Protein backbone atom coordinates (compact mmCIF):
# COMPACT_ATOMS: atom_id res chain seq x y z
CA GLU A 1 139.10 98.92 60.99
CA THR A 2 136.53 100.22 58.44
CA THR A 3 134.55 97.23 58.65
CA ASP A 4 134.24 97.71 61.95
CA ALA A 5 132.44 101.56 61.91
CA ALA A 6 130.23 99.77 59.02
CA ASP A 7 129.09 97.41 61.56
CA GLN A 8 128.67 99.84 64.18
CA THR A 9 126.90 102.25 61.13
CA GLU A 10 124.51 99.09 60.55
CA THR A 11 123.88 98.33 63.95
CA GLU A 12 123.18 102.22 64.71
CA ALA A 13 120.40 101.97 61.93
CA ALA A 14 119.07 99.02 62.95
CA ALA A 15 118.37 100.57 66.76
CA GLY A 16 116.95 104.09 65.41
CA ALA A 17 114.76 101.76 63.10
CA SER A 18 113.21 99.77 65.66
CA LYS A 19 112.70 102.59 67.99
CA GLY A 20 110.59 104.20 65.10
CA TRP A 21 108.45 100.81 65.16
CA ALA A 22 108.03 100.63 68.53
CA GLU A 23 106.87 104.37 68.72
CA GLN A 24 104.60 103.87 66.26
CA VAL A 25 103.21 100.47 67.62
CA ASP A 26 102.94 102.78 71.05
CA GLU A 27 101.06 105.78 68.80
CA ALA A 28 98.90 102.84 67.11
CA GLU A 29 97.44 101.42 71.20
CA LYS A 30 96.61 105.44 71.67
CA GLN A 31 94.68 105.98 68.95
CA MET A 32 90.77 104.21 69.11
CA THR A 33 87.47 103.75 67.17
CA LEU A 34 85.05 106.41 67.90
CA ASP A 35 82.33 104.11 69.54
CA GLU A 36 85.30 103.75 71.84
CA TYR A 37 85.98 107.04 72.44
CA LYS A 38 82.23 107.20 73.28
CA LYS A 39 82.25 104.45 75.99
CA GLN A 40 85.08 106.78 77.60
CA LEU A 41 83.41 109.75 77.32
CA GLU A 42 79.89 107.82 79.30
CA ALA A 43 82.21 106.67 81.86
CA LYS A 44 84.09 109.91 82.66
CA LYS A 45 80.34 111.64 82.87
CA GLN A 46 78.96 108.39 84.93
CA ALA A 47 81.93 109.06 87.28
CA GLN A 48 81.39 112.93 87.70
CA HIS A 49 77.76 112.45 88.03
CA ASP A 50 78.46 109.57 91.22
CA LYS A 51 80.78 112.26 92.62
CA VAL A 52 77.95 115.20 92.83
CA PRO A 53 76.47 114.63 95.84
CA GLN A 54 72.48 114.06 95.72
CA PHE A 55 70.35 116.10 98.13
CA ASN A 56 67.18 115.58 99.48
CA ARG A 57 64.63 118.86 98.54
CA ARG A 58 62.30 119.99 101.67
CA THR A 59 59.06 121.22 100.54
CA ALA A 60 57.40 124.45 102.31
CA ASN A 61 56.08 123.44 105.78
CA GLU A 62 57.49 119.91 105.53
CA GLY A 63 57.06 118.32 108.80
CA GLU A 64 54.45 121.44 110.00
CA ASP A 65 50.94 120.05 111.85
CA PRO A 66 48.61 121.02 108.84
CA LYS A 67 45.56 121.59 111.63
CA ASN A 68 47.47 124.79 112.90
């Protein structure tokens, strides 16, 4: 019975260690270089710029007959 409890404790410890390693890998994937961050930021700005409607500005007396 003592060996079963020791084996179970070792198994739980190994599972906890593997979770920690998996979390570290996930966290490392979330990190990015400055260049990657700048590219991502530029892409967001471009996407936002594309969403904004572009209006055609009209000048005063546009379409009026200049002879009148």
